[in-house]
Protein backbone atom coordinates (compact mmCIF):
# COMPACT_ATOMS: atom_id res chain seq x y z
CA UNK A 1 231.14 18.86 76.04
CA UNK A 2 228.56 21.01 74.25
CA UNK A 3 228.94 24.56 73.03
CA UNK A 4 226.22 27.01 72.06
CA UNK A 5 226.07 28.04 68.41
CA UNK A 6 223.46 30.68 67.56
CA UNK A 7 221.30 29.43 70.40
CA UNK A 8 221.67 25.71 69.56
CA UNK A 9 223.63 23.11 71.51
CA UNK A 10 226.29 21.38 69.41
CA UNK A 11 228.89 18.77 70.47
CA UNK A 12 232.17 20.66 70.89
CA UNK A 13 234.29 17.76 69.65
CA UNK A 14 232.48 17.63 66.29
CA UNK A 15 231.73 21.31 65.80
CA UNK A 16 234.63 23.64 66.53
CA UNK A 17 234.54 27.41 65.93
CA UNK A 18 236.65 26.77 62.82
CA UNK A 19 234.30 24.12 61.42
CA UNK A 20 231.24 26.30 62.05
CA UNK A 21 232.97 29.20 60.29
CA UNK A 22 233.71 26.85 57.36
CA UNK A 23 230.00 26.00 57.25
CA UNK A 24 228.92 29.65 57.35
CA UNK A 25 231.27 30.56 54.49
CA UNK A 26 230.63 27.47 52.38
CA UNK A 27 230.04 28.26 48.70
CA UNK A 28 227.21 26.16 47.30
CA UNK A 29 226.66 25.32 43.65
CA UNK A 30 223.19 25.24 42.06
CA UNK A 31 223.54 21.52 41.28
CA UNK A 32 224.55 20.48 44.81
CA UNK A 33 222.30 17.91 46.48
CA UNK A 34 221.75 18.61 50.19
CA UNK A 35 220.40 15.97 52.57
CA UNK A 36 218.88 17.75 55.56
CA UNK A 37 217.65 16.07 58.73
CA UNK A 38 217.13 16.61 62.38
CA UNK A 39 219.58 14.16 64.05
CA UNK A 40 218.46 10.51 64.09
CA UNK A 41 215.84 10.95 61.39
CA UNK A 42 217.30 8.80 58.61
CA UNK A 43 220.45 10.64 57.54
CA UNK A 44 222.63 7.54 57.22
CA UNK A 45 219.95 5.77 55.21
CA UNK A 46 219.60 8.69 52.81
CA UNK A 47 223.41 8.91 52.54
CA UNK A 48 223.21 5.36 51.18
CA UNK A 49 220.29 5.91 48.81
CA UNK A 50 221.33 9.15 47.09
CA UNK A 51 224.86 8.10 45.98
CA UNK A 52 223.42 4.85 44.60
CA UNK A 53 220.82 6.80 42.64
CA UNK A 54 223.44 9.18 41.27
CA UNK A 55 225.71 6.28 40.27
CA UNK A 56 222.87 4.41 38.60
CA UNK A 57 223.10 1.66 41.20
CA UNK A 58 226.87 1.09 41.05
CA UNK A 59 227.71 -0.27 44.54
CA UNK A 60 231.22 1.20 44.42
CA UNK A 61 229.60 4.54 45.26
CA UNK A 62 228.83 3.33 48.78
CA UNK A 63 231.55 0.71 49.27
CA UNK A 64 234.65 2.83 48.69
CA UNK A 65 234.11 5.78 51.04
CA UNK A 66 232.66 6.02 54.56
CA UNK A 67 229.27 7.72 54.49
CA UNK A 68 230.59 10.81 56.31
CA UNK A 69 233.09 11.31 53.48
CA UNK A 70 230.86 10.42 50.51
CA UNK A 71 228.12 12.78 51.79
CA UNK A 72 229.88 15.03 54.32
CA UNK A 73 228.14 17.00 57.06
CA UNK A 74 229.07 20.57 56.29
CA UNK A 75 229.17 21.77 59.88
CA UNK A 76 231.39 18.97 61.19
CA UNK A 77 235.11 19.36 61.75
CA UNK A 78 235.88 16.74 59.07
CA UNK A 79 234.21 18.70 56.23
CA UNK A 80 237.16 21.05 55.82
CA UNK A 81 239.52 18.12 55.19
CA UNK A 82 237.71 16.73 52.13
CA UNK A 83 238.60 19.44 49.59
CA UNK A 84 234.94 19.86 48.73
CA UNK A 85 235.78 22.87 46.61
CA UNK A 86 237.60 20.51 44.21
CA UNK A 87 234.90 17.85 44.09
CA UNK A 88 233.16 17.26 40.78
CA UNK A 89 229.52 18.20 40.47
CA UNK A 90 226.97 17.25 41.52
CA UNK A 91 228.27 17.19 45.08
CA UNK A 92 226.26 15.33 47.71
CA UNK A 93 226.28 17.08 51.09
CA UNK A 94 224.49 16.79 54.43
CA UNK A 95 223.56 19.07 57.29
CA UNK A 96 221.51 19.13 60.47
CA UNK A 97 221.06 22.89 60.16
CA UNK A 98 217.65 24.54 60.55
CA UNK A 99 216.58 26.44 57.44
CA UNK A 100 217.14 29.89 58.90
CA UNK A 101 220.76 29.03 59.81
CA UNK A 102 221.86 27.88 56.37
CA UNK A 103 224.83 29.81 54.91
CA UNK A 104 224.13 32.91 52.77
CA UNK A 105 225.37 31.10 49.65
CA UNK A 106 222.58 28.52 50.02
CA UNK A 107 219.91 31.18 49.58
CA UNK A 108 221.74 32.72 46.63
CA UNK A 109 222.21 29.63 44.44
CA UNK A 110 219.25 27.53 45.70
CA UNK A 111 220.46 23.92 45.43
CA UNK A 112 218.09 20.96 45.75
CA UNK A 113 217.27 19.68 49.24
CA UNK A 114 216.01 16.30 50.40
CA UNK A 115 214.46 16.83 53.83
CA UNK A 116 213.75 13.66 55.80
CA UNK A 117 211.31 13.73 58.70
CA UNK A 118 210.69 10.97 61.20
CA UNK A 119 208.15 10.37 63.94
CA UNK A 120 209.62 12.44 66.80
CA UNK A 121 208.92 9.69 69.32
CA UNK A 122 211.18 7.37 67.33
CA UNK A 123 213.71 10.19 66.91
CA UNK A 124 213.73 10.51 70.69
CA UNK A 125 214.23 6.77 71.25
CA UNK A 126 217.02 6.58 68.67
CA UNK A 127 218.67 9.65 70.23
CA UNK A 128 218.41 8.17 73.71
CA UNK A 129 220.29 5.02 72.71
CA UNK A 130 222.80 6.97 70.61
CA UNK A 131 223.63 9.26 73.54
CA UNK A 132 224.53 6.18 75.57
CA UNK A 133 226.86 5.01 72.81
CA UNK A 134 228.69 8.17 71.71
CA UNK A 135 231.33 9.59 74.05
CA UNK A 136 231.11 13.04 72.45
CA UNK A 137 227.48 13.41 73.59
CA UNK A 138 226.31 14.15 77.11
CA UNK A 139 225.10 11.10 79.03
CA UNK A 140 221.30 11.14 78.63
CA UNK A 141 220.58 10.06 82.20
CA UNK A 142 217.18 8.51 83.00
CA UNK A 143 214.80 8.23 80.06
CA UNK A 144 212.12 10.56 81.49
CA UNK A 145 214.70 13.27 82.19
CA UNK A 146 216.03 13.03 78.65
CA UNK A 147 212.47 13.09 77.30
CA UNK A 148 211.87 16.47 78.94
CA UNK A 149 215.17 17.80 77.58
CA UNK A 150 214.25 16.58 74.11
CA UNK A 151 210.79 18.14 74.17
CA UNK A 152 212.20 21.39 75.57
CA UNK A 153 214.81 21.54 72.78
CA UNK A 154 217.70 21.28 75.24
CA UNK A 155 219.50 18.72 73.10
CA UNK A 156 221.92 18.95 70.16
CA UNK A 157 220.56 21.04 67.31
CA UNK A 158 217.71 22.26 69.45
CA UNK A 159 214.00 21.63 69.14
CA UNK A 160 212.71 18.98 66.74
CA UNK A 161 209.57 21.07 66.37
CA UNK A 162 211.45 24.24 65.40
CA UNK A 163 213.69 22.34 62.99
CA UNK A 164 210.85 20.63 61.14
CA UNK A 165 208.77 23.80 60.97
CA UNK A 166 211.70 25.84 59.67
CA UNK A 167 212.02 23.56 56.64
CA UNK A 168 208.27 23.16 56.12
CA UNK A 169 208.05 26.95 55.92
CA UNK A 170 211.06 27.29 53.63
CA UNK A 171 210.86 29.31 50.43
CA UNK A 172 211.42 27.76 46.99
CA UNK A 173 209.35 24.73 47.96
CA UNK A 174 209.76 23.19 44.49
CA UNK A 175 213.47 22.73 45.27
CA UNK A 176 212.77 20.74 48.46
CA UNK A 177 211.63 17.13 48.51
CA UNK A 178 209.94 16.30 51.80
CA UNK A 179 210.01 12.58 52.47
CA UNK A 180 209.48 10.64 55.68
CA UNK A 181 211.34 7.76 57.26
CA UNK A 182 208.00 5.99 57.56
CA UNK A 183 207.30 6.32 53.83
CA UNK A 184 210.71 4.82 53.12
CA UNK A 185 209.96 1.92 55.48
CA UNK A 186 206.55 1.35 53.91
CA UNK A 187 207.68 1.34 50.28
CA UNK A 188 211.40 1.80 49.73
CA UNK A 189 211.22 1.16 45.99
CA UNK A 190 208.64 3.92 45.57
CA UNK A 191 210.73 6.26 47.74
CA UNK A 192 213.87 5.57 45.69
CA UNK A 193 211.87 6.31 42.54
CA UNK A 194 210.57 9.59 43.98
CA UNK A 195 214.04 10.72 45.03
CA UNK A 196 215.47 9.78 41.62
CA UNK A 197 212.69 11.70 39.85
CA UNK A 198 213.31 14.75 42.06
CA UNK A 199 217.03 14.58 41.24
CA UNK A 200 216.16 14.20 37.53
CA UNK A 201 218.10 10.96 37.40
CA UNK A 202 216.55 8.57 34.92
CA UNK A 203 216.56 4.99 36.25
CA UNK A 204 214.78 1.93 34.93
CA UNK A 205 212.75 -0.36 37.17
CA UNK A 206 215.59 -2.84 37.47
CA UNK A 207 218.01 -0.18 38.77
CA UNK A 208 215.43 1.13 41.24
CA UNK A 209 214.75 -2.40 42.48
CA UNK A 210 218.48 -3.04 42.87
CA UNK A 211 219.03 0.19 44.83
CA UNK A 212 216.02 -0.44 47.07
CA UNK A 213 217.23 -3.96 47.86
CA UNK A 214 220.73 -2.71 48.56
CA UNK A 215 219.30 -0.11 50.97
CA UNK A 216 217.12 -2.45 52.99
CA UNK A 217 218.18 -2.03 56.60
CA UNK A 218 219.43 -5.60 56.96
CA UNK A 219 221.62 -5.22 53.85
CA UNK A 220 222.86 -1.72 54.60
CA UNK A 221 223.85 -2.84 58.09
CA UNK A 222 226.42 -5.17 56.50
CA UNK A 223 228.18 -2.29 54.72
CA UNK A 224 231.25 -1.40 56.80
CA UNK A 225 231.37 1.95 55.02
CA UNK A 226 227.94 2.79 56.50
CA UNK A 227 227.61 1.01 59.86
CA UNK A 228 230.29 3.06 61.64
CA UNK A 229 232.17 -0.11 62.55
CA UNK A 230 235.41 1.70 61.74
CA UNK A 231 234.85 4.36 64.40
CA UNK A 232 237.12 3.76 67.44
CA UNK A 233 235.32 2.41 70.47
CA UNK A 234 236.39 5.35 72.63
CA UNK A 235 234.21 7.59 70.41
CA UNK A 236 231.32 5.22 69.76
CA UNK A 237 230.92 2.08 71.86
CA UNK A 238 228.65 -0.12 69.80
CA UNK A 239 228.72 -2.84 72.45
CA UNK A 240 226.25 -0.60 74.34
CA UNK A 241 223.98 -0.08 71.36
CA UNK A 242 224.57 -0.60 67.64
CA UNK A 243 224.67 2.56 65.55
CA UNK A 244 222.29 0.94 63.06
CA UNK A 245 220.03 -0.44 65.77
CA UNK A 246 216.62 -1.56 64.48
CA UNK A 247 215.65 0.52 61.47
CA UNK A 248 211.93 0.25 62.12
CA UNK A 249 208.99 2.60 62.59
CA UNK A 250 207.10 2.63 65.87
CA UNK A 251 209.83 1.39 68.21
CA UNK A 252 208.72 4.08 70.66
CA UNK A 253 205.85 1.75 71.62
CA UNK A 254 208.45 -0.65 73.06
CA UNK A 255 210.30 2.08 74.92
CA UNK A 256 208.02 4.86 76.19
CA UNK A 257 205.73 4.42 79.17
CA UNK A 258 202.05 5.29 78.71
CA UNK A 259 202.57 8.48 80.74
CA UNK A 260 205.62 9.48 78.65
CA UNK A 261 203.75 8.87 75.38
CA UNK A 262 200.74 10.88 76.57
CA UNK A 263 202.95 13.76 77.65
CA UNK A 264 204.75 13.63 74.31
CA UNK A 265 201.40 13.80 72.48
CA UNK A 266 200.28 16.81 74.51
CA UNK A 267 203.49 18.72 73.75
CA UNK A 268 203.32 17.73 70.07
CA UNK A 269 199.71 18.88 69.80
CA UNK A 270 200.61 22.26 71.26
CA UNK A 271 203.85 22.81 69.33
CA UNK A 272 202.48 21.70 65.95
CA UNK A 273 198.98 23.17 66.16
CA UNK A 274 199.79 25.65 63.40
CA UNK A 275 201.17 23.01 61.02
CA UNK A 276 198.96 21.29 58.46
CA UNK A 277 201.32 19.39 56.18
CA UNK A 278 203.66 17.22 58.26
CA UNK A 279 204.26 14.04 56.29
CA UNK A 280 203.87 11.48 59.04
CA UNK A 281 200.87 10.23 60.99
CA UNK A 282 202.89 10.30 64.17
CA UNK A 283 200.33 9.13 66.69
CA UNK A 284 199.61 5.87 64.92
CA UNK A 285 203.10 4.96 63.81
């Protein structure tokens, strides 16, 4: 069910040798916009926000194409079917790739990146429920077992810690906007404004307000082009857990035992001891 790609576990159904080769050979343009996340860190949300910013708030940008087509994941099998080479600029693209595994073309042309981080405890909880829903992922088993796998990096796309650190240590920092899921929860209008400014897209307050309202979790959840309702049940059984589940910060407090949370903190403290500028106050969120 999983294959190993350059040391990382990836779901075989979504990432074939052909699709990974397509990713490695992808030719970026300088004006591409790349959304980068570790899985379950706010990708779908950002895939809603960025097209709306680029369209000036026109809802057609998120109502006419499923999110995986409007902002395709470059390493997924579907990417090669979208004729991305023919798409008009600026293209909006997504990846779960660590920095050091980006294609050579990325480092040559240096497109803009929006990197979204999220409290890893909430990433874990979201991943746990998602693994129970998606048939192309390995059954997570008991929560504590999956917690150890997650903290050991024995899950899809490897270690959260390695992924986050790879992008925090990336070169050309002025071309990367680091934003957190928690910041977006706290003040979505401000976050939309920051992303728009980074993308050099001039929007007035009314447009920013409109986009922020459209991207509130409760409103985005109604968009059938974003809530994965069109995915067949044999691939994603949303009767077990909705794809867009809660959209909150701090849900780990409802899910982790005290012992699990303490163990998580100890691993986090050790793994991130050399990092000063992570965006999120994880322990208190």
